[in-house]
Amino acid sequence: MRVVLLIVFGSAGTLARYALQGVVQYRSGSSFPVGTLSVNLMGCFLLGVVGQFALHHLSIPPDWRIALTIGFFGAFTTFSTFGWETIRMLEDGEWGRAGLYMSLSVVGGLLLVKIGMTLADRF
Protein backbone atom coordinates (compact mmCIF):
# COMPACT_ATOMS: atom_id res chain seq x y z
CA MET A 1 0.00 0.00 0.00
CA ARG A 2 2.82 2.40 0.91
CA VAL A 3 4.46 2.11 -2.52
CA VAL A 4 1.15 2.78 -4.28
CA LEU A 5 0.64 5.91 -2.14
CA LEU A 6 4.18 7.08 -2.94
CA ILE A 7 3.56 6.64 -6.65
CA VAL A 8 0.24 8.50 -6.53
CA PHE A 9 1.44 11.33 -4.29
CA GLY A 10 4.79 11.58 -6.08
CA SER A 11 2.99 11.92 -9.40
CA ALA A 12 0.70 14.59 -7.95
CA GLY A 13 3.69 16.48 -6.54
CA THR A 14 5.49 16.37 -9.87
CA LEU A 15 2.47 17.68 -11.74
CA ALA A 16 1.86 20.40 -9.15
CA ARG A 17 5.50 21.49 -9.39
CA TYR A 18 5.43 21.56 -13.16
CA ALA A 19 2.23 23.62 -13.27
CA LEU A 20 3.10 26.11 -10.52
CA GLN A 21 6.69 26.64 -11.61
CA GLY A 22 5.64 27.24 -15.20
CA VAL A 23 2.79 29.62 -14.37
CA VAL A 24 4.88 31.68 -11.95
CA GLN A 25 7.85 31.85 -14.32
CA TYR A 26 5.68 32.81 -17.27
CA ARG A 27 3.74 35.46 -15.36
CA SER A 28 6.85 36.99 -13.86
CA GLY A 29 8.31 37.58 -17.32
CA SER A 30 11.74 37.34 -15.75
CA SER A 31 14.84 35.38 -16.67
CA PHE A 32 15.46 34.97 -12.91
CA PRO A 33 14.26 31.48 -11.86
CA VAL A 34 11.39 32.85 -9.76
CA GLY A 35 9.21 29.83 -10.62
CA THR A 36 11.65 27.35 -9.11
CA LEU A 37 12.27 29.65 -6.14
CA SER A 38 8.52 29.94 -5.49
CA VAL A 39 8.03 26.17 -5.61
CA ASN A 40 10.97 25.54 -3.28
CA LEU A 41 9.84 28.14 -0.74
CA MET A 42 6.22 27.02 -0.84
CA GLY A 43 7.33 23.39 -0.53
CA CYS A 44 9.44 24.22 2.51
CA PHE A 45 6.56 26.04 4.18
CA LEU A 46 3.97 23.37 3.42
CA LEU A 47 6.30 20.54 4.43
CA GLY A 48 6.87 22.35 7.74
CA VAL A 49 3.11 22.59 8.32
CA VAL A 50 2.21 19.07 7.19
CA GLY A 51 5.24 17.36 8.75
CA GLN A 52 4.81 19.03 12.13
CA PHE A 53 1.05 18.52 12.18
CA ALA A 54 1.42 14.86 11.25
CA LEU A 55 3.99 14.27 14.00
CA HIS A 56 1.75 15.72 16.71
CA HIS A 57 -1.63 14.37 15.61
CA LEU A 58 -2.00 10.64 15.40
CA SER A 59 -5.05 11.02 13.19
CA ILE A 60 -2.79 10.75 10.13
CA PRO A 61 -1.67 7.13 9.57
CA PRO A 62 2.08 6.55 9.00
CA ASP A 63 1.59 5.47 5.36
CA TRP A 64 -0.24 8.71 4.61
CA ARG A 65 2.42 10.81 6.40
CA ILE A 66 5.07 9.16 4.22
CA ALA A 67 2.95 9.67 1.10
CA LEU A 68 2.52 13.37 1.86
CA THR A 69 6.05 14.19 3.00
CA ILE A 70 8.26 11.94 0.88
CA GLY A 71 5.87 11.34 -2.01
CA PHE A 72 4.21 14.69 -2.64
CA PHE A 73 6.74 17.15 -1.23
CA GLY A 74 9.72 15.08 -2.37
CA ALA A 75 8.44 15.39 -5.93
CA PHE A 76 7.11 18.93 -5.52
CA THR A 77 10.28 20.68 -4.41
CA THR A 78 12.95 21.16 -7.02
CA PHE A 79 16.24 21.43 -5.23
CA SER A 80 18.14 19.70 -7.99
CA THR A 81 16.79 22.28 -10.44
CA PHE A 82 17.93 24.96 -8.00
CA GLY A 83 21.46 23.51 -8.15
CA TRP A 84 21.44 23.41 -11.95
CA GLU A 85 20.16 26.99 -12.30
CA THR A 86 22.65 28.30 -9.74
CA ILE A 87 25.61 26.66 -11.49
CA ARG A 88 24.42 28.01 -14.85
CA MET A 89 24.29 31.55 -13.42
CA LEU A 90 27.78 31.13 -11.96
CA GLU A 91 29.12 29.78 -15.27
CA ASP A 92 27.59 32.82 -17.01
CA GLY A 93 29.40 35.11 -14.57
CA GLU A 94 26.17 36.21 -12.87
CA TRP A 95 27.63 36.07 -9.37
CA GLY A 96 25.24 38.59 -7.84
CA ARG A 97 22.12 36.89 -9.19
CA ALA A 98 23.43 33.47 -8.15
CA GLY A 99 24.21 34.74 -4.65
CA LEU A 100 20.78 36.31 -4.32
CA TYR A 101 19.10 33.12 -5.55
CA MET A 102 21.08 30.91 -3.16
CA SER A 103 20.44 33.22 -0.20
CA LEU A 104 16.72 33.52 -0.84
CA SER A 105 16.35 29.79 -1.42
CA VAL A 106 18.30 28.58 1.60
CA VAL A 107 17.45 31.25 4.19
CA GLY A 108 13.88 31.65 2.92
CA GLY A 109 13.39 27.88 2.87
CA LEU A 110 14.65 27.40 6.41
CA LEU A 111 12.60 30.31 7.68
CA LEU A 112 9.43 29.04 6.02
CA VAL A 113 9.92 25.51 7.39
CA LYS A 114 10.12 27.02 10.89
CA ILE A 115 7.07 29.23 10.30
CA GLY A 116 5.14 26.22 8.99
CA MET A 117 6.10 24.17 12.05
CA THR A 118 5.08 26.99 14.38
CA LEU A 119 1.70 27.35 12.66
CA ALA A 120 1.13 23.59 12.80
CA ASP A 121 1.76 23.62 16.56
CA ARG A 122 -1.09 26.12 16.96
CA PHE A 123 -3.68 23.76 15.45
Foldseek 3Di string as FASTA:
>chain_A
DLVVLLVVQQVVLQVVLVVQQVVVCVVVVDPQSVSLLVQLLVLLLVLLQLVLLVVVDVPQPPSRSCSNNCRRSVNNHDVVVLVVVLVVCVVVVVVVSSVVSVCCNPVSSVVSSVVSNVVNVVD
